[in-house]
């Protein structure tokens, strides 16, 4: 899975600076089959205190679909850990 995330991350990192901005993050999520609307992306970035873009490791932490599901509950975005 991490190799697939690296491939997607590198593809959307348009300026090849090693981080993705909010628009690039949203495009990456779309590529991975998870559509996030603008409000949800903003909530995720605010919750994680993302200002200058996401590093690859931060990106992996967010999209690790085996461990975390991002859901909207009312106007809040919450991380819901999958039960194992």
Protein backbone atom coordinates (compact mmCIF):
# COMPACT_ATOMS: atom_id res chain seq x y z
CA UNK A 1 0.00 0.00 0.00
CA UNK A 2 2.79 2.44 0.85
CA UNK A 3 4.28 2.04 -2.64
CA UNK A 4 0.91 2.95 -4.17
CA UNK A 5 0.67 5.99 -1.87
CA UNK A 6 4.18 7.08 -2.93
CA UNK A 7 3.19 6.78 -6.58
CA UNK A 8 0.06 8.90 -6.08
CA UNK A 9 1.87 11.43 -3.87
CA UNK A 10 4.65 11.91 -6.43
CA UNK A 11 2.14 12.25 -9.25
CA UNK A 12 0.16 15.05 -7.55
CA UNK A 13 3.21 16.88 -6.11
CA UNK A 14 3.24 19.22 -9.10
CA UNK A 15 6.29 21.29 -8.12
CA UNK A 16 8.20 18.24 -6.80
CA UNK A 17 9.02 19.96 -3.50
CA UNK A 18 8.27 16.90 -1.36
CA UNK A 19 4.96 18.15 0.01
CA UNK A 20 1.44 18.45 -1.32
CA UNK A 21 -0.82 21.44 -0.86
CA UNK A 22 -4.52 21.19 -0.12
CA UNK A 23 -5.57 21.02 -3.78
CA UNK A 24 -2.96 18.34 -4.47
CA UNK A 25 -4.08 16.38 -1.40
CA UNK A 26 -7.67 16.48 -2.59
CA UNK A 27 -6.59 15.29 -6.06
CA UNK A 28 -4.61 12.45 -4.46
CA UNK A 29 -7.62 11.36 -2.45
CA UNK A 30 -9.76 11.39 -5.60
CA UNK A 31 -7.14 9.24 -7.31
CA UNK A 32 -7.34 6.80 -4.41
CA UNK A 33 -11.12 6.65 -4.78
CA UNK A 34 -12.04 8.80 -1.77
CA UNK A 35 -13.83 12.01 -2.68
CA UNK A 36 -13.49 14.70 -0.03
CA UNK A 37 -15.34 17.96 -0.46
CA UNK A 38 -13.57 21.24 0.23
CA UNK A 39 -15.06 21.57 3.70
CA UNK A 40 -13.91 18.11 4.72
CA UNK A 41 -10.36 18.73 3.44
CA UNK A 42 -10.24 22.04 5.30
CA UNK A 43 -11.43 20.34 8.50
CA UNK A 44 -8.81 17.58 8.20
CA UNK A 45 -6.04 20.11 7.59
CA UNK A 46 -7.22 22.28 10.48
CA UNK A 47 -7.45 19.28 12.82
CA UNK A 48 -3.88 18.31 11.91
CA UNK A 49 -2.61 21.91 11.92
CA UNK A 50 -1.49 21.69 8.29
CA UNK A 51 -0.40 25.06 6.92
CA UNK A 52 2.39 24.61 4.41
CA UNK A 53 1.44 21.28 2.89
CA UNK A 54 1.66 17.63 3.79
CA UNK A 55 4.84 15.60 3.76
CA UNK A 56 4.69 12.06 2.44
CA UNK A 57 4.60 10.63 5.96
CA UNK A 58 1.72 12.93 6.97
CA UNK A 59 -0.09 11.99 3.77
CA UNK A 60 0.31 8.29 4.59
CA UNK A 61 -0.95 8.84 8.13
CA UNK A 62 -4.10 10.47 6.79
CA UNK A 63 -4.91 8.04 4.00
CA UNK A 64 -3.97 4.80 5.71
CA UNK A 65 -7.36 3.30 4.98
CA UNK A 66 -6.62 0.12 6.90
CA UNK A 67 -6.41 2.05 10.17
CA UNK A 68 -8.46 5.24 9.94
CA UNK A 69 -11.66 6.33 8.27
CA UNK A 70 -12.44 10.04 8.00
CA UNK A 71 -16.11 10.79 8.42
CA UNK A 72 -18.28 13.85 8.78
CA UNK A 73 -20.46 14.02 11.85
CA UNK A 74 -22.54 17.14 11.59
CA UNK A 75 -20.06 19.90 10.88
CA UNK A 76 -17.08 18.06 12.39
CA UNK A 77 -14.60 15.74 10.75
CA UNK A 78 -13.60 12.84 12.94
CA UNK A 79 -11.06 10.06 12.61
CA UNK A 80 -12.75 6.76 13.26
CA UNK A 81 -10.31 3.93 13.87
CA UNK A 82 -11.27 0.63 12.30
CA UNK A 83 -11.86 -2.18 14.72
CA UNK A 84 -9.39 -5.03 14.38
